Amino acid sequence: MKYDPENTMLKPAILALVRQILTVAGTALVAKGYAQESEIEPVIGALLTIGSVVWSVTDKRTR
């Protein structure tokens, strides 16, 4: 598969969007009292890390 600059530029934008969505969801959970603020940050970080690894592996396999 050839180099696709659009795909390269799209990944950071999608990850930024996912990060914002997770932050909003975490804020809502804290506001409703379902979670503590100190619990949300590590969960968001873990989800982003796992998502990045899955994305990277999937991208490498499709090439």
N, C-alpha and C. Protein backbone atom coordinates (compact mmCIF):
# COMPACT_ATOMS: atom_id res chain seq x y z
N MET A 1 0.84 -1.17 0.00
CA MET A 1 0.00 0.00 0.00
C MET A 1 0.89 1.24 0.00
N LYS A 2 0.51 2.25 -0.75
CA LYS A 2 1.34 3.44 -0.85
C LYS A 2 1.09 4.40 0.31
N TYR A 3 2.01 5.33 0.47
CA TYR A 3 1.92 6.34 1.53
C TYR A 3 0.72 7.23 1.31
N ASP A 4 -0.06 7.40 2.35
CA ASP A 4 -1.28 8.21 2.27
C ASP A 4 -1.19 9.35 3.28
N PRO A 5 -0.84 10.57 2.84
CA PRO A 5 -0.69 11.67 3.79
C PRO A 5 -1.99 12.03 4.50
N GLU A 6 -3.13 11.79 3.86
CA GLU A 6 -4.41 12.09 4.51
C GLU A 6 -4.60 11.22 5.74
N ASN A 7 -4.31 9.93 5.64
CA ASN A 7 -4.45 9.02 6.77
C ASN A 7 -3.50 9.41 7.89
N THR A 8 -2.29 9.85 7.55
CA THR A 8 -1.30 10.26 8.54
C THR A 8 -1.78 11.48 9.30
N MET A 9 -2.42 12.41 8.63
CA MET A 9 -2.90 13.63 9.27
C MET A 9 -4.22 13.39 10.00
N LEU A 10 -4.95 12.40 9.59
CA LEU A 10 -6.26 12.14 10.18
C LEU A 10 -6.15 11.52 11.57
N LYS A 11 -5.16 10.68 11.80
CA LYS A 11 -5.01 9.98 13.08
C LYS A 11 -4.93 10.94 14.27
N PRO A 12 -4.06 11.97 14.26
CA PRO A 12 -4.01 12.88 15.41
C PRO A 12 -5.33 13.63 15.63
N ALA A 13 -6.01 13.96 14.55
CA ALA A 13 -7.29 14.67 14.68
C ALA A 13 -8.34 13.77 15.33
N ILE A 14 -8.38 12.52 14.93
CA ILE A 14 -9.35 11.59 15.52
C ILE A 14 -9.01 11.33 16.98
N LEU A 15 -7.73 11.16 17.29
CA LEU A 15 -7.34 10.94 18.68
C LEU A 15 -7.66 12.16 19.55
N ALA A 16 -7.51 13.36 19.02
CA ALA A 16 -7.86 14.57 19.76
C ALA A 16 -9.36 14.61 20.02
N LEU A 17 -10.14 14.23 19.03
CA LEU A 17 -11.60 14.20 19.19
C LEU A 17 -12.01 13.18 20.24
N VAL A 18 -11.41 12.00 20.19
CA VAL A 18 -11.72 10.95 21.17
C VAL A 18 -11.34 11.43 22.57
N ARG A 19 -10.19 12.09 22.69
CA ARG A 19 -9.74 12.61 23.99
C ARG A 19 -10.76 13.60 24.54
N GLN A 20 -11.28 14.48 23.69
CA GLN A 20 -12.27 15.46 24.14
C GLN A 20 -13.58 14.78 24.55
N ILE A 21 -14.00 13.79 23.79
CA ILE A 21 -15.23 13.07 24.13
C ILE A 21 -15.08 12.36 25.47
N LEU A 22 -13.94 11.72 25.69
CA LEU A 22 -13.70 11.03 26.96
C LEU A 22 -13.65 12.02 28.12
N THR A 23 -13.07 13.20 27.88
CA THR A 23 -13.00 14.23 28.93
C THR A 23 -14.40 14.72 29.29
N VAL A 24 -15.24 14.94 28.30
CA VAL A 24 -16.61 15.38 28.55
C VAL A 24 -17.38 14.29 29.30
N ALA A 25 -17.20 13.04 28.88
CA ALA A 25 -17.89 11.94 29.56
C ALA A 25 -17.41 11.81 31.00
N GLY A 26 -16.10 11.96 31.22
CA GLY A 26 -15.56 11.90 32.58
C GLY A 26 -16.07 13.03 33.44
N THR A 27 -16.17 14.22 32.87
CA THR A 27 -16.70 15.37 33.60
C THR A 27 -18.15 15.14 33.99
N ALA A 28 -18.92 14.56 33.10
CA ALA A 28 -20.32 14.26 33.39
C ALA A 28 -20.44 13.24 34.52
N LEU A 29 -19.58 12.23 34.51
CA LEU A 29 -19.60 11.22 35.58
C LEU A 29 -19.26 11.83 36.93
N VAL A 30 -18.29 12.74 36.93
CA VAL A 30 -17.91 13.40 38.18
C VAL A 30 -19.04 14.32 38.65
N ALA A 31 -19.64 15.04 37.72
CA ALA A 31 -20.73 15.97 38.08
C ALA A 31 -21.93 15.23 38.66
N LYS A 32 -22.21 14.06 38.13
CA LYS A 32 -23.35 13.26 38.63
C LYS A 32 -23.01 12.50 39.91
N GLY A 33 -21.73 12.47 40.28
CA GLY A 33 -21.33 11.80 41.50
C GLY A 33 -21.05 10.32 41.33
N TYR A 34 -20.95 9.84 40.11
CA TYR A 34 -20.68 8.42 39.86
C TYR A 34 -19.20 8.07 40.02
N ALA A 35 -18.32 9.07 39.94
CA ALA A 35 -16.89 8.82 40.03
C ALA A 35 -16.20 10.03 40.66
N GLN A 36 -15.01 9.79 41.18
CA GLN A 36 -14.18 10.87 41.72
C GLN A 36 -13.28 11.39 40.60
N GLU A 37 -12.93 12.66 40.71
CA GLU A 37 -12.07 13.27 39.69
C GLU A 37 -10.73 12.54 39.58
N SER A 38 -10.20 12.10 40.70
CA SER A 38 -8.91 11.43 40.70
C SER A 38 -8.96 10.06 40.01
N GLU A 39 -10.15 9.50 39.86
CA GLU A 39 -10.30 8.21 39.19
C GLU A 39 -10.42 8.35 37.68
N ILE A 40 -10.90 9.47 37.22
CA ILE A 40 -11.21 9.65 35.80
C ILE A 40 -9.96 9.80 34.93
N GLU A 41 -8.99 10.61 35.39
CA GLU A 41 -7.79 10.86 34.57
C GLU A 41 -7.05 9.59 34.18
N PRO A 42 -6.76 8.69 35.12
CA PRO A 42 -6.06 7.46 34.72
C PRO A 42 -6.87 6.58 33.77
N VAL A 43 -8.18 6.57 33.93
CA VAL A 43 -9.03 5.77 33.05
C VAL A 43 -8.98 6.33 31.63
N ILE A 44 -9.08 7.64 31.49
CA ILE A 44 -9.01 8.27 30.17
C ILE A 44 -7.65 7.98 29.53
N GLY A 45 -6.59 8.13 30.31
CA GLY A 45 -5.24 7.84 29.79
C GLY A 45 -5.10 6.41 29.33
N ALA A 46 -5.63 5.49 30.12
CA ALA A 46 -5.55 4.07 29.76
C ALA A 46 -6.33 3.78 28.48
N LEU A 47 -7.53 4.34 28.38
CA LEU A 47 -8.35 4.12 27.18
C LEU A 47 -7.66 4.67 25.93
N LEU A 48 -7.06 5.86 26.05
CA LEU A 48 -6.35 6.43 24.91
C LEU A 48 -5.13 5.59 24.53
N THR A 49 -4.43 5.08 25.52
CA THR A 49 -3.26 4.24 25.24
C THR A 49 -3.67 2.95 24.54
N ILE A 50 -4.68 2.30 25.07
CA ILE A 50 -5.15 1.05 24.46
C ILE A 50 -5.68 1.31 23.05
N GLY A 51 -6.42 2.39 22.88
CA GLY A 51 -6.94 2.73 21.56
C GLY A 51 -5.84 3.00 20.56
N SER A 52 -4.79 3.69 20.99
CA SER A 52 -3.67 3.98 20.09
C SER A 52 -2.94 2.70 19.67
N VAL A 53 -2.76 1.79 20.61
CA VAL A 53 -2.08 0.53 20.30
C VAL A 53 -2.92 -0.30 19.33
N VAL A 54 -4.20 -0.40 19.59
CA VAL A 54 -5.09 -1.15 18.70
C VAL A 54 -5.09 -0.54 17.30
N TRP A 55 -5.17 0.78 17.24
CA TRP A 55 -5.16 1.47 15.95
C TRP A 55 -3.86 1.19 15.22
N SER A 56 -2.74 1.28 15.92
CA SER A 56 -1.43 1.05 15.30
C SER A 56 -1.31 -0.37 14.76
N VAL A 57 -1.71 -1.34 15.54
CA VAL A 57 -1.63 -2.74 15.11
C VAL A 57 -2.52 -2.97 13.90
N THR A 58 -3.74 -2.43 13.95
CA THR A 58 -4.67 -2.58 12.83
C THR A 58 -4.11 -1.94 11.57
N ASP A 59 -3.53 -0.74 11.73
CA ASP A 59 -2.97 -0.04 10.58
C ASP A 59 -1.81 -0.81 9.97
N LYS A 60 -0.97 -1.39 10.82
CA LYS A 60 0.19 -2.15 10.31
C LYS A 60 -0.25 -3.42 9.58
N ARG A 61 -1.32 -4.05 10.07
CA ARG A 61 -1.79 -5.29 9.43
C ARG A 61 -2.44 -5.04 8.09
N THR A 62 -3.04 -3.88 7.90
CA THR A 62 -3.72 -3.59 6.63
C THR A 62 -2.76 -3.12 5.56
N ARG A 63 -1.52 -2.85 5.92
CA ARG A 63 -0.53 -2.39 4.92
C ARG A 63 0.11 -3.52 4.22
